[in-house]
PDB file of N, CA and C in Angstrom:
ATOM      1  N   MET A   1       0.832  -1.176   0.000  1.00  0.00           N
ATOM      2  CA  MET A   1       0.000   0.000   0.000  1.00  0.00           C
ATOM      3  C   MET A   1       0.885   1.250   0.000  1.00  0.00           C
ATOM      4  N   THR A   2       0.659   2.127  -0.939  1.00  0.00           N
ATOM      5  CA  THR A   2       1.387   3.384  -1.003  1.00  0.00           C
ATOM      6  C   THR A   2       0.858   4.345   0.057  1.00  0.00           C
ATOM      7  N   VAL A   3       1.792   5.046   0.699  1.00  0.00           N
ATOM      8  CA  VAL A   3       1.448   6.039   1.708  1.00  0.00           C
ATOM      9  C   VAL A   3       1.969   7.382   1.214  1.00  0.00           C
ATOM     10  N   THR A   4       1.116   8.399   1.272  1.00  0.00           N
ATOM     11  CA  THR A   4       1.536   9.741   0.896  1.00  0.00           C
ATOM     12  C   THR A   4       1.548  10.616   2.136  1.00  0.00           C
ATOM     13  N   VAL A   5       2.672  11.272   2.349  1.00  0.00           N
ATOM     14  CA  VAL A   5       2.803  12.204   3.463  1.00  0.00           C
ATOM     15  C   VAL A   5       2.404  13.579   2.938  1.00  0.00           C
ATOM     16  N   PHE A   6       1.379  14.135   3.565  1.00  0.00           N
ATOM     17  CA  PHE A   6       0.871  15.463   3.228  1.00  0.00           C
ATOM     18  C   PHE A   6       1.381  16.402   4.318  1.00  0.00           C
ATOM     19  N   ILE A   7       2.261  17.327   3.937  1.00  0.00           N
ATOM     20  CA  ILE A   7       2.847  18.255   4.899  1.00  0.00           C
ATOM     21  C   ILE A   7       2.225  19.632   4.684  1.00  0.00           C
ATOM     22  N   ARG A   8       1.647  20.152   5.746  1.00  0.00           N
ATOM     23  CA  ARG A   8       1.076  21.503   5.717  1.00  0.00           C
ATOM     24  C   ARG A   8       2.011  22.405   6.512  1.00  0.00           C
ATOM     25  N   TYR A   9       2.518  23.432   5.839  1.00  0.00           N
ATOM     26  CA  TYR A   9       3.417  24.384   6.467  1.00  0.00           C
ATOM     27  C   TYR A   9       2.691  25.701   6.713  1.00  0.00           C
ATOM     28  N   GLN A  10       2.832  26.244   7.886  1.00  0.00           N
ATOM     29  CA  GLN A  10       2.468  27.636   8.100  1.00  0.00           C
ATOM     30  C   GLN A  10       3.777  28.398   7.979  1.00  0.00           C
ATOM     31  N   ILE A  11       3.831  29.324   7.025  1.00  0.00           N
ATOM     32  CA  ILE A  11       5.069  30.046   6.761  1.00  0.00           C
ATOM     33  C   ILE A  11       4.892  31.530   7.061  1.00  0.00           C
ATOM     34  N   ASP A  12       6.009  32.194   7.281  1.00  0.00           N
ATOM     35  CA  ASP A  12       6.008  33.640   7.444  1.00  0.00           C
ATOM     36  C   ASP A  12       5.736  34.232   6.059  1.00  0.00           C
ATOM     37  N   PRO A  13       4.626  34.967   5.882  1.00  0.00           N
ATOM     38  CA  PRO A  13       4.301  35.475   4.543  1.00  0.00           C
ATOM     39  C   PRO A  13       5.330  36.464   4.000  1.00  0.00           C
ATOM     40  N   PHE A  14       6.157  37.025   4.866  1.00  0.00           N
ATOM     41  CA  PHE A  14       7.187  37.952   4.424  1.00  0.00           C
ATOM     42  C   PHE A  14       8.481  37.235   4.055  1.00  0.00           C
ATOM     43  N   LYS A  15       8.501  35.906   4.218  1.00  0.00           N
ATOM     44  CA  LYS A  15       9.688  35.110   3.896  1.00  0.00           C
ATOM     45  C   LYS A  15       9.351  33.987   2.908  1.00  0.00           C
ATOM     46  N   ARG A  16       8.368  34.240   2.064  1.00  0.00           N
ATOM     47  CA  ARG A  16       7.971  33.211   1.076  1.00  0.00           C
ATOM     48  C   ARG A  16       9.113  32.852   0.133  1.00  0.00           C
ATOM     49  N   ALA A  17       9.923  33.823  -0.241  1.00  0.00           N
ATOM     50  CA  ALA A  17      11.041  33.540  -1.154  1.00  0.00           C
ATOM     51  C   ALA A  17      12.024  32.559  -0.518  1.00  0.00           C
ATOM     52  N   GLN A  18      12.254  32.677   0.778  1.00  0.00           N
ATOM     53  CA  GLN A  18      13.151  31.744   1.456  1.00  0.00           C
ATOM     54  C   GLN A  18      12.532  30.351   1.519  1.00  0.00           C
ATOM     55  N   PHE A  19      11.219  30.273   1.764  1.00  0.00           N
ATOM     56  CA  PHE A  19      10.568  28.962   1.754  1.00  0.00           C
ATOM     57  C   PHE A  19      10.675  28.339   0.366  1.00  0.00           C
ATOM     58  N   GLU A  20      10.523  29.139  -0.672  1.00  0.00           N
ATOM     59  CA  GLU A  20      10.623  28.599  -2.029  1.00  0.00           C
ATOM     60  C   GLU A  20      12.019  28.044  -2.295  1.00  0.00           C
ATOM     61  N   GLN A  21      13.058  28.721  -1.817  1.00  0.00           N
ATOM     62  CA  GLN A  21      14.425  28.189  -1.951  1.00  0.00           C
ATOM     63  C   GLN A  21      14.529  26.839  -1.244  1.00  0.00           C
ATOM     64  N   TYR A  22      14.000  26.779  -0.041  1.00  0.00           N
ATOM     65  CA  TYR A  22      13.987  25.551   0.764  1.00  0.00           C
ATOM     66  C   TYR A  22      13.290  24.423   0.007  1.00  0.00           C
ATOM     67  N   ALA A  23      12.112  24.708  -0.529  1.00  0.00           N
ATOM     68  CA  ALA A  23      11.342  23.694  -1.264  1.00  0.00           C
ATOM     69  C   ALA A  23      12.093  23.216  -2.509  1.00  0.00           C
ATOM     70  N   LYS A  24      12.694  24.132  -3.247  1.00  0.00           N
ATOM     71  CA  LYS A  24      13.423  23.760  -4.472  1.00  0.00           C
ATOM     72  C   LYS A  24      14.605  22.841  -4.162  1.00  0.00           C
ATOM     73  N   ARG A  25      15.247  23.039  -3.016  1.00  0.00           N
ATOM     74  CA  ARG A  25      16.366  22.169  -2.644  1.00  0.00           C
ATOM     75  C   ARG A  25      15.907  20.728  -2.427  1.00  0.00           C
ATOM     76  N   TRP A  26      14.681  20.546  -1.936  1.00  0.00           N
ATOM     77  CA  TRP A  26      14.174  19.193  -1.701  1.00  0.00           C
ATOM     78  C   TRP A  26      13.930  18.428  -3.004  1.00  0.00           C
ATOM     79  N   LEU A  27      13.819  19.136  -4.122  1.00  0.00           N
ATOM     80  CA  LEU A  27      13.504  18.475  -5.396  1.00  0.00           C
ATOM     81  C   LEU A  27      14.507  17.395  -5.768  1.00  0.00           C
ATOM     82  N   SER A  28      15.751  17.562  -5.372  1.00  0.00           N
ATOM     83  CA  SER A  28      16.751  16.519  -5.642  1.00  0.00           C
ATOM     84  C   SER A  28      17.053  15.689  -4.397  1.00  0.00           C
ATOM     85  N   ILE A  29      16.980  16.304  -3.221  1.00  0.00           N
ATOM     86  CA  ILE A  29      17.331  15.592  -1.987  1.00  0.00           C
ATOM     87  C   ILE A  29      16.347  14.459  -1.693  1.00  0.00           C
ATOM     88  N   ILE A  30      15.066  14.743  -1.775  1.00  0.00           N
ATOM     89  CA  ILE A  30      14.046  13.746  -1.417  1.00  0.00           C
ATOM     90  C   ILE A  30      14.150  12.495  -2.287  1.00  0.00           C
ATOM     91  N   PRO A  31      14.190  12.610  -3.623  1.00  0.00           N
ATOM     92  CA  PRO A  31      14.329  11.389  -4.438  1.00  0.00           C
ATOM     93  C   PRO A  31      15.624  10.623  -4.150  1.00  0.00           C
ATOM     94  N   ASN A  32      16.707  11.341  -3.862  1.00  0.00           N
ATOM     95  CA  ASN A  32      17.972  10.684  -3.554  1.00  0.00           C
ATOM     96  C   ASN A  32      17.908   9.886  -2.258  1.00  0.00           C
ATOM     97  N   CYS A  33      16.985  10.251  -1.382  1.00  0.00           N
ATOM     98  CA  CYS A  33      16.838   9.548  -0.101  1.00  0.00           C
ATOM     99  C   CYS A  33      15.709   8.522  -0.118  1.00  0.00           C
ATOM    100  N   GLY A  34      15.038   8.352  -1.260  1.00  0.00           N
ATOM    101  CA  GLY A  34      14.043   7.294  -1.387  1.00  0.00           C
ATOM    102  C   GLY A  34      12.589   7.725  -1.420  1.00  0.00           C
ATOM    103  N   GLY A  35      12.318   9.015  -1.421  1.00  0.00           N
ATOM    104  CA  GLY A  35      10.935   9.486  -1.487  1.00  0.00           C
ATOM    105  C   GLY A  35      10.510   9.779  -2.914  1.00  0.00           C
ATOM    106  N   ASP A  36       9.234   9.614  -3.196  1.00  0.00           N
ATOM    107  CA  ASP A  36       8.662   9.967  -4.494  1.00  0.00           C
ATOM    108  C   ASP A  36       7.983  11.322  -4.310  1.00  0.00           C
ATOM    109  N   LEU A  37       8.700  12.392  -4.632  1.00  0.00           N
ATOM    110  CA  LEU A  37       8.202  13.740  -4.408  1.00  0.00           C
ATOM    111  C   LEU A  37       7.130  14.083  -5.427  1.00  0.00           C
ATOM    112  N   LEU A  38       5.921  14.306  -4.944  1.00  0.00           N
ATOM    113  CA  LEU A  38       4.820  14.714  -5.816  1.00  0.00           C
ATOM    114  C   LEU A  38       4.837  16.216  -6.032  1.00  0.00           C
ATOM    115  N   GLY A  39       5.400  16.954  -5.083  1.00  0.00           N
ATOM    116  CA  GLY A  39       5.570  18.384  -5.290  1.00  0.00           C
ATOM    117  C   GLY A  39       5.435  19.210  -4.030  1.00  0.00           C
ATOM    118  N   TYR A  40       5.916  20.435  -4.155  1.00  0.00           N
ATOM    119  CA  TYR A  40       5.722  21.473  -3.144  1.00  0.00           C
ATOM    120  C   TYR A  40       4.828  22.524  -3.771  1.00  0.00           C
ATOM    121  N   PHE A  41       3.964  23.096  -2.966  1.00  0.00           N
ATOM    122  CA  PHE A  41       2.980  24.054  -3.460  1.00  0.00           C
ATOM    123  C   PHE A  41       3.020  25.310  -2.603  1.00  0.00           C
ATOM    124  N   MET A  42       3.159  26.449  -3.287  1.00  0.00           N
ATOM    125  CA  MET A  42       3.303  27.756  -2.636  1.00  0.00           C
ATOM    126  C   MET A  42       2.007  28.552  -2.738  1.00  0.00           C
ATOM    127  N   PRO A  43       1.808  29.509  -1.831  1.00  0.00           N
ATOM    128  CA  PRO A  43       0.658  30.398  -1.964  1.00  0.00           C
ATOM    129  C   PRO A  43       0.724  31.172  -3.282  1.00  0.00           C
ATOM    130  N   HIS A  44      -0.418  31.318  -3.909  1.00  0.00           N
ATOM    131  CA  HIS A  44      -0.489  32.099  -5.148  1.00  0.00           C
ATOM    132  C   HIS A  44      -1.522  33.215  -4.997  1.00  0.00           C
ATOM    133  N   GLU A  45      -2.749  32.847  -4.698  1.00  0.00           N
ATOM    134  CA  GLU A  45      -3.824  33.800  -4.428  1.00  0.00           C
ATOM    135  C   GLU A  45      -4.479  33.391  -3.120  1.00  0.00           C
ATOM    136  N   GLY A  46      -5.095  34.320  -2.458  1.00  0.00           N
ATOM    137  CA  GLY A  46      -5.790  33.997  -1.214  1.00  0.00           C
ATOM    138  C   GLY A  46      -4.828  33.943  -0.048  1.00  0.00           C
ATOM    139  N   THR A  47      -4.929  32.879   0.734  1.00  0.00           N
ATOM    140  CA  THR A  47      -4.091  32.724   1.921  1.00  0.00           C
ATOM    141  C   THR A  47      -2.620  32.801   1.536  1.00  0.00           C
ATOM    142  N   ASN A  48      -1.867  33.628   2.255  1.00  0.00           N
ATOM    143  CA  ASN A  48      -0.471  33.853   1.877  1.00  0.00           C
ATOM    144  C   ASN A  48       0.535  33.219   2.831  1.00  0.00           C
ATOM    145  N   ASN A  49       0.049  32.426   3.784  1.00  0.00           N
ATOM    146  CA  ASN A  49       0.972  31.870   4.780  1.00  0.00           C
ATOM    147  C   ASN A  49       0.871  30.351   4.922  1.00  0.00           C
ATOM    148  N   VAL A  50       0.343  29.681   3.913  1.00  0.00           N
ATOM    149  CA  VAL A  50       0.224  28.228   3.959  1.00  0.00           C
ATOM    150  C   VAL A  50       0.827  27.639   2.684  1.00  0.00           C
ATOM    151  N   ALA A  51       1.682  26.632   2.867  1.00  0.00           N
ATOM    152  CA  ALA A  51       2.292  25.919   1.744  1.00  0.00           C
ATOM    153  C   ALA A  51       2.162  24.424   2.027  1.00  0.00           C
ATOM    154  N   TYR A  52       2.346  23.602   0.980  1.00  0.00           N
ATOM    155  CA  TYR A  52       2.165  22.163   1.112  1.00  0.00           C
ATOM    156  C   TYR A  52       3.293  21.406   0.424  1.00  0.00           C
ATOM    157  N   GLY A  53       3.570  20.214   0.942  1.00  0.00           N
ATOM    158  CA  GLY A  53       4.477  19.274   0.305  1.00  0.00           C
ATOM    159  C   GLY A  53       3.836  17.901   0.331  1.00  0.00           C
ATOM    160  N   LEU A  54       3.956  17.149  -0.756  1.00  0.00           N
ATOM    161  CA  LEU A  54       3.418  15.794  -0.832  1.00  0.00           C
ATOM    162  C   LEU A  54       4.514  14.841  -1.299  1.00  0.00           C
ATOM    163  N   ILE A  55       4.726  13.789  -0.504  1.00  0.00           N
ATOM    164  CA  ILE A  55       5.765  12.801  -0.805  1.00  0.00           C
ATOM    165  C   ILE A  55       5.169  11.416  -0.601  1.00  0.00           C
ATOM    166  N   SER A  56       5.337  10.528  -1.569  1.00  0.00           N
ATOM    167  CA  SER A  56       4.798   9.165  -1.461  1.00  0.00           C
ATOM    168  C   SER A  56       5.900   8.153  -1.189  1.00  0.00           C
ATOM    169  N   PHE A  57       5.488   7.066  -0.526  1.00  0.00           N
ATOM    170  CA  PHE A  57       6.384   5.965  -0.173  1.00  0.00           C
ATOM    171  C   PHE A  57       5.632   4.660  -0.366  1.00  0.00           C
ATOM    172  N   GLU A  58       6.378   3.579  -0.581  1.00  0.00           N
ATOM    173  CA  GLU A  58       5.764   2.260  -0.762  1.00  0.00           C
ATOM    174  C   GLU A  58       5.057   1.784   0.498  1.00  0.00           C
ATOM    175  N   SER A  59       5.533   2.251   1.665  1.00  0.00           N
ATOM    176  CA  SER A  59       4.971   1.801   2.939  1.00  0.00           C
ATOM    177  C   SER A  59       5.459   2.728   4.048  1.00  0.00           C
ATOM    178  N   LEU A  60       4.918   2.546   5.245  1.00  0.00           N
ATOM    179  CA  LEU A  60       5.421   3.309   6.394  1.00  0.00           C
ATOM    180  C   LEU A  60       6.862   2.922   6.704  1.00  0.00           C
ATOM    181  N   ALA A  61       7.205   1.670   6.481  1.00  0.00           N
ATOM    182  CA  ALA A  61       8.595   1.233   6.695  1.00  0.00           C
ATOM    183  C   ALA A  61       9.535   1.968   5.730  1.00  0.00           C
ATOM    184  N   ALA A  62       9.108   2.149   4.491  1.00  0.00           N
ATOM    185  CA  ALA A  62       9.920   2.892   3.518  1.00  0.00           C
ATOM    186  C   ALA A  62      10.064   4.352   3.954  1.00  0.00           C
ATOM    187  N   TYR A  63       9.012   4.910   4.527  1.00  0.00           N
ATOM    188  CA  TYR A  63       9.088   6.281   5.054  1.00  0.00           C
ATOM    189  C   TYR A  63      10.118   6.367   6.177  1.00  0.00           C
ATOM    190  N   GLU A  64      10.099   5.402   7.084  1.00  0.00           N
ATOM    191  CA  GLU A  64      11.057   5.393   8.192  1.00  0.00           C
ATOM    192  C   GLU A  64      12.491   5.268   7.677  1.00  0.00           C
ATOM    193  N   ALA A  65      12.706   4.438   6.661  1.00  0.00           N
ATOM    194  CA  ALA A  65      14.040   4.296   6.062  1.00  0.00           C
ATOM    195  C   ALA A  65      14.470   5.618   5.422  1.00  0.00           C
ATOM    196  N   TYR A  66      13.536   6.285   4.757  1.00  0.00           N
ATOM    197  CA  TYR A  66      13.796   7.596   4.153  1.00  0.00           C
ATOM    198  C   TYR A  66      14.220   8.607   5.213  1.00  0.00           C
ATOM    199  N   ARG A  67      13.502   8.646   6.332  1.00  0.00           N
ATOM    200  CA  ARG A  67      13.834   9.596   7.414  1.00  0.00           C
ATOM    201  C   ARG A  67      15.248   9.349   7.942  1.00  0.00           C
ATOM    202  N   ALA A  68      15.622   8.082   8.051  1.00  0.00           N
ATOM    203  CA  ALA A  68      16.980   7.753   8.509  1.00  0.00           C
ATOM    204  C   ALA A  68      18.017   8.233   7.495  1.00  0.00           C
ATOM    205  N   GLN A  69      17.753   8.021   6.208  1.00  0.00           N
ATOM    206  CA  GLN A  69      18.684   8.468   5.167  1.00  0.00           C
ATOM    207  C   GLN A  69      18.791   9.991   5.151  1.00  0.00           C
ATOM    208  N   LEU A  70      17.660  10.645   5.357  1.00  0.00           N
ATOM    209  CA  LEU A  70      17.629  12.105   5.349  1.00  0.00           C
ATOM    210  C   LEU A  70      18.499  12.682   6.465  1.00  0.00           C
ATOM    211  N   ARG A  71      18.475  12.047   7.628  1.00  0.00           N
ATOM    212  CA  ARG A  71      19.295  12.519   8.756  1.00  0.00           C
ATOM    213  C   ARG A  71      20.789  12.385   8.479  1.00  0.00           C
ATOM    214  N   ASP A  72      21.162  11.473   7.575  1.00  0.00           N
ATOM    215  CA  ASP A  72      22.566  11.262   7.227  1.00  0.00           C
ATOM    216  C   ASP A  72      22.979  11.990   5.946  1.00  0.00           C
ATOM    217  N   ASN A  73      22.042  12.679   5.309  1.00  0.00           N
ATOM    218  CA  ASN A  73      22.304  13.342   4.036  1.00  0.00           C
ATOM    219  C   ASN A  73      22.765  14.777   4.306  1.00  0.00           C
ATOM    220  N   ALA A  74      23.971  15.110   3.882  1.00  0.00           N
ATOM    221  CA  ALA A  74      24.546  16.436   4.163  1.00  0.00           C
ATOM    222  C   ALA A  74      23.696  17.570   3.596  1.00  0.00           C
ATOM    223  N   GLU A  75      23.180  17.398   2.375  1.00  0.00           N
ATOM    224  CA  GLU A  75      22.340  18.443   1.777  1.00  0.00           C
ATOM    225  C   GLU A  75      21.026  18.594   2.534  1.00  0.00           C
ATOM    226  N   GLY A  76      20.458  17.475   2.964  1.00  0.00           N
ATOM    227  CA  GLY A  76      19.216  17.523   3.742  1.00  0.00           C
ATOM    228  C   GLY A  76      19.423  18.224   5.071  1.00  0.00           C
ATOM    229  N   VAL A  77      20.491  17.877   5.768  1.00  0.00           N
ATOM    230  CA  VAL A  77      20.805  18.515   7.053  1.00  0.00           C
ATOM    231  C   VAL A  77      21.013  20.017   6.846  1.00  0.00           C
ATOM    232  N   ALA A  78      21.727  20.387   5.791  1.00  0.00           N
ATOM    233  CA  ALA A  78      21.964  21.799   5.493  1.00  0.00           C
ATOM    234  C   ALA A  78      20.648  22.531   5.234  1.00  0.00           C
ATOM    235  N   ASN A  79      19.704  21.870   4.548  1.00  0.00           N
ATOM    236  CA  ASN A  79      18.428  22.513   4.263  1.00  0.00           C
ATOM    237  C   ASN A  79      17.593  22.684   5.536  1.00  0.00           C
ATOM    238  N   PHE A  80      17.606  21.672   6.400  1.00  0.00           N
ATOM    239  CA  PHE A  80      16.924  21.820   7.686  1.00  0.00           C
ATOM    240  C   PHE A  80      17.544  22.978   8.480  1.00  0.00           C
ATOM    241  N   ASN A  81      18.862  23.072   8.467  1.00  0.00           N
ATOM    242  CA  ASN A  81      19.547  24.153   9.181  1.00  0.00           C
ATOM    243  C   ASN A  81      19.202  25.521   8.600  1.00  0.00           C
ATOM    244  N   PHE A  82      19.080  25.594   7.271  1.00  0.00           N
ATOM    245  CA  PHE A  82      18.684  26.832   6.593  1.00  0.00           C
ATOM    246  C   PHE A  82      17.313  27.287   7.099  1.00  0.00           C
ATOM    247  N   ALA A  83      16.381  26.352   7.201  1.00  0.00           N
ATOM    248  CA  ALA A  83      15.032  26.678   7.684  1.00  0.00           C
ATOM    249  C   ALA A  83      15.072  27.140   9.132  1.00  0.00           C
ATOM    250  N   GLU A  84      15.848  26.456   9.934  1.00  0.00           N
ATOM    251  CA  GLU A  84      15.933  26.823  11.352  1.00  0.00           C
ATOM    252  C   GLU A  84      16.589  28.194  11.534  1.00  0.00           C
ATOM    253  N   GLU A  85      17.618  28.456  10.775  1.00  0.00           N
ATOM    254  CA  GLU A  85      18.332  29.731  10.888  1.00  0.00           C
ATOM    255  C   GLU A  85      17.459  30.921  10.487  1.00  0.00           C
ATOM    256  N   HIS A  86      16.690  30.761   9.406  1.00  0.00           N
ATOM    257  CA  HIS A  86      15.909  31.877   8.867  1.00  0.00           C
ATOM    258  C   HIS A  86      14.470  31.933   9.389  1.00  0.00           C
ATOM    259  N   LYS A  87      14.021  30.886  10.052  1.00  0.00           N
ATOM    260  CA  LYS A  87      12.730  30.867  10.746  1.00  0.00           C
ATOM    261  C   LYS A  87      11.547  31.266   9.859  1.00  0.00           C
ATOM    262  N   PHE A  88      11.511  30.756   8.625  1.00  0.00           N
ATOM    263  CA  PHE A  88      10.387  31.050   7.745  1.00  0.00           C
ATOM    264  C   PHE A  88       9.262  30.026   7.888  1.00  0.00           C
ATOM    265  N   ILE A  89       9.543  28.893   8.520  1.00  0.00           N
ATOM    266  CA  ILE A  89       8.499  27.910   8.814  1.00  0.00           C
ATOM    267  C   ILE A  89       8.070  28.133  10.259  1.00  0.00           C
ATOM    268  N   LEU A  90       6.806  28.510  10.437  1.00  0.00           N
ATOM    269  CA  LEU A  90       6.285  28.781  11.770  1.00  0.00           C
ATOM    270  C   LEU A  90       5.767  27.499  12.423  1.00  0.00           C
ATOM    271  N   SER A  91       5.198  26.610  11.613  1.00  0.00           N
ATOM    272  CA  SER A  91       4.756  25.300  12.106  1.00  0.00           C
ATOM    273  C   SER A  91       4.563  24.382  10.911  1.00  0.00           C
ATOM    274  N   GLU A  92       4.558  23.082  11.191  1.00  0.00           N
ATOM    275  CA  GLU A  92       4.260  22.110  10.136  1.00  0.00           C
ATOM    276  C   GLU A  92       3.495  20.942  10.731  1.00  0.00           C
ATOM    277  N   GLU A  93       2.627  20.398   9.916  1.00  0.00           N
ATOM    278  CA  GLU A  93       1.808  19.245  10.307  1.00  0.00           C
ATOM    279  C   GLU A  93       1.982  18.162   9.251  1.00  0.00           C
ATOM    280  N   ARG A  94       2.070  16.929   9.697  1.00  0.00           N
ATOM    281  CA  ARG A  94       2.174  15.797   8.768  1.00  0.00           C
ATOM    282  C   ARG A  94       0.943  14.914   8.914  1.00  0.00           C
ATOM    283  N   THR A  95       0.356  14.578   7.782  1.00  0.00           N
ATOM    284  CA  THR A  95      -0.759  13.643   7.737  1.00  0.00           C
ATOM    285  C   THR A  95      -0.374  12.534   6.770  1.00  0.00           C
ATOM    286  N   PHE A  96      -0.613  11.300   7.164  1.00  0.00           N
ATOM    287  CA  PHE A  96      -0.286  10.145   6.327  1.00  0.00           C
ATOM    288  C   PHE A  96      -1.577   9.669   5.654  1.00  0.00           C
ATOM    289  N   LEU A  97      -1.565   9.683   4.330  1.00  0.00           N
ATOM    290  CA  LEU A  97      -2.760   9.364   3.549  1.00  0.00           C
ATOM    291  C   LEU A  97      -2.553   8.107   2.723  1.00  0.00           C
ATOM    292  N   ARG A  98      -3.653   7.434   2.438  1.00  0.00           N
ATOM    293  CA  ARG A  98      -3.643   6.327   1.482  1.00  0.00           C
ATOM    294  C   ARG A  98      -4.677   6.643   0.420  1.00  0.00           C
ATOM    295  N   LYS A  99      -4.426   6.196  -0.775  1.00  0.00           N
ATOM    296  CA  LYS A  99      -5.335   6.450  -1.890  1.00  0.00           C
ATOM    297  C   LYS A  99      -6.562   5.556  -1.765  1.00  0.00           C
ATOM    298  N   VAL A 100      -7.708   6.117  -2.013  1.00  0.00           N
ATOM    299  CA  VAL A 100      -8.945   5.358  -2.014  1.00  0.00           C
ATOM    300  C   VAL A 100      -9.059   4.667  -3.357  1.00  0.00           C
ATOM    301  N   VAL A 101      -9.220   3.355  -3.319  1.00  0.00           N
ATOM    302  CA  VAL A 101      -9.359   2.594  -4.559  1.00  0.00           C
ATOM    303  C   VAL A 101     -10.728   1.933  -4.593  1.00  0.00           C
ATOM    304  N   SER A 102     -11.206   1.727  -5.769  1.00  0.00           N
ATOM    305  CA  SER A 102     -12.545   1.114  -5.898  1.00  0.00           C
ATOM    306  C   SER A 102     -12.450  -0.384  -6.090  1.00  0.00           C
TER     307      SER A 102
END
């Protein structure tokens, strides 16, 4: 069963450009660590402080393996540090979803 991690970010609306840099860096890091990145989504119209990321995995075990690889990935660690240093992510929530099949 495929599991998709839906990440909801509350971001500082005055630091959207920094969040976009952060998101673009994940485009290569996530696949290298075993995730199937469906995309990052930025505010365009309306709410200006919410962004989303969607990443799929073959299973929860694959997600756990990905998290372990991410902690050992120098680029991933650097990107987490970038976010922490610049404080453009105010909060994040993770929801684990499965696709409804008929």
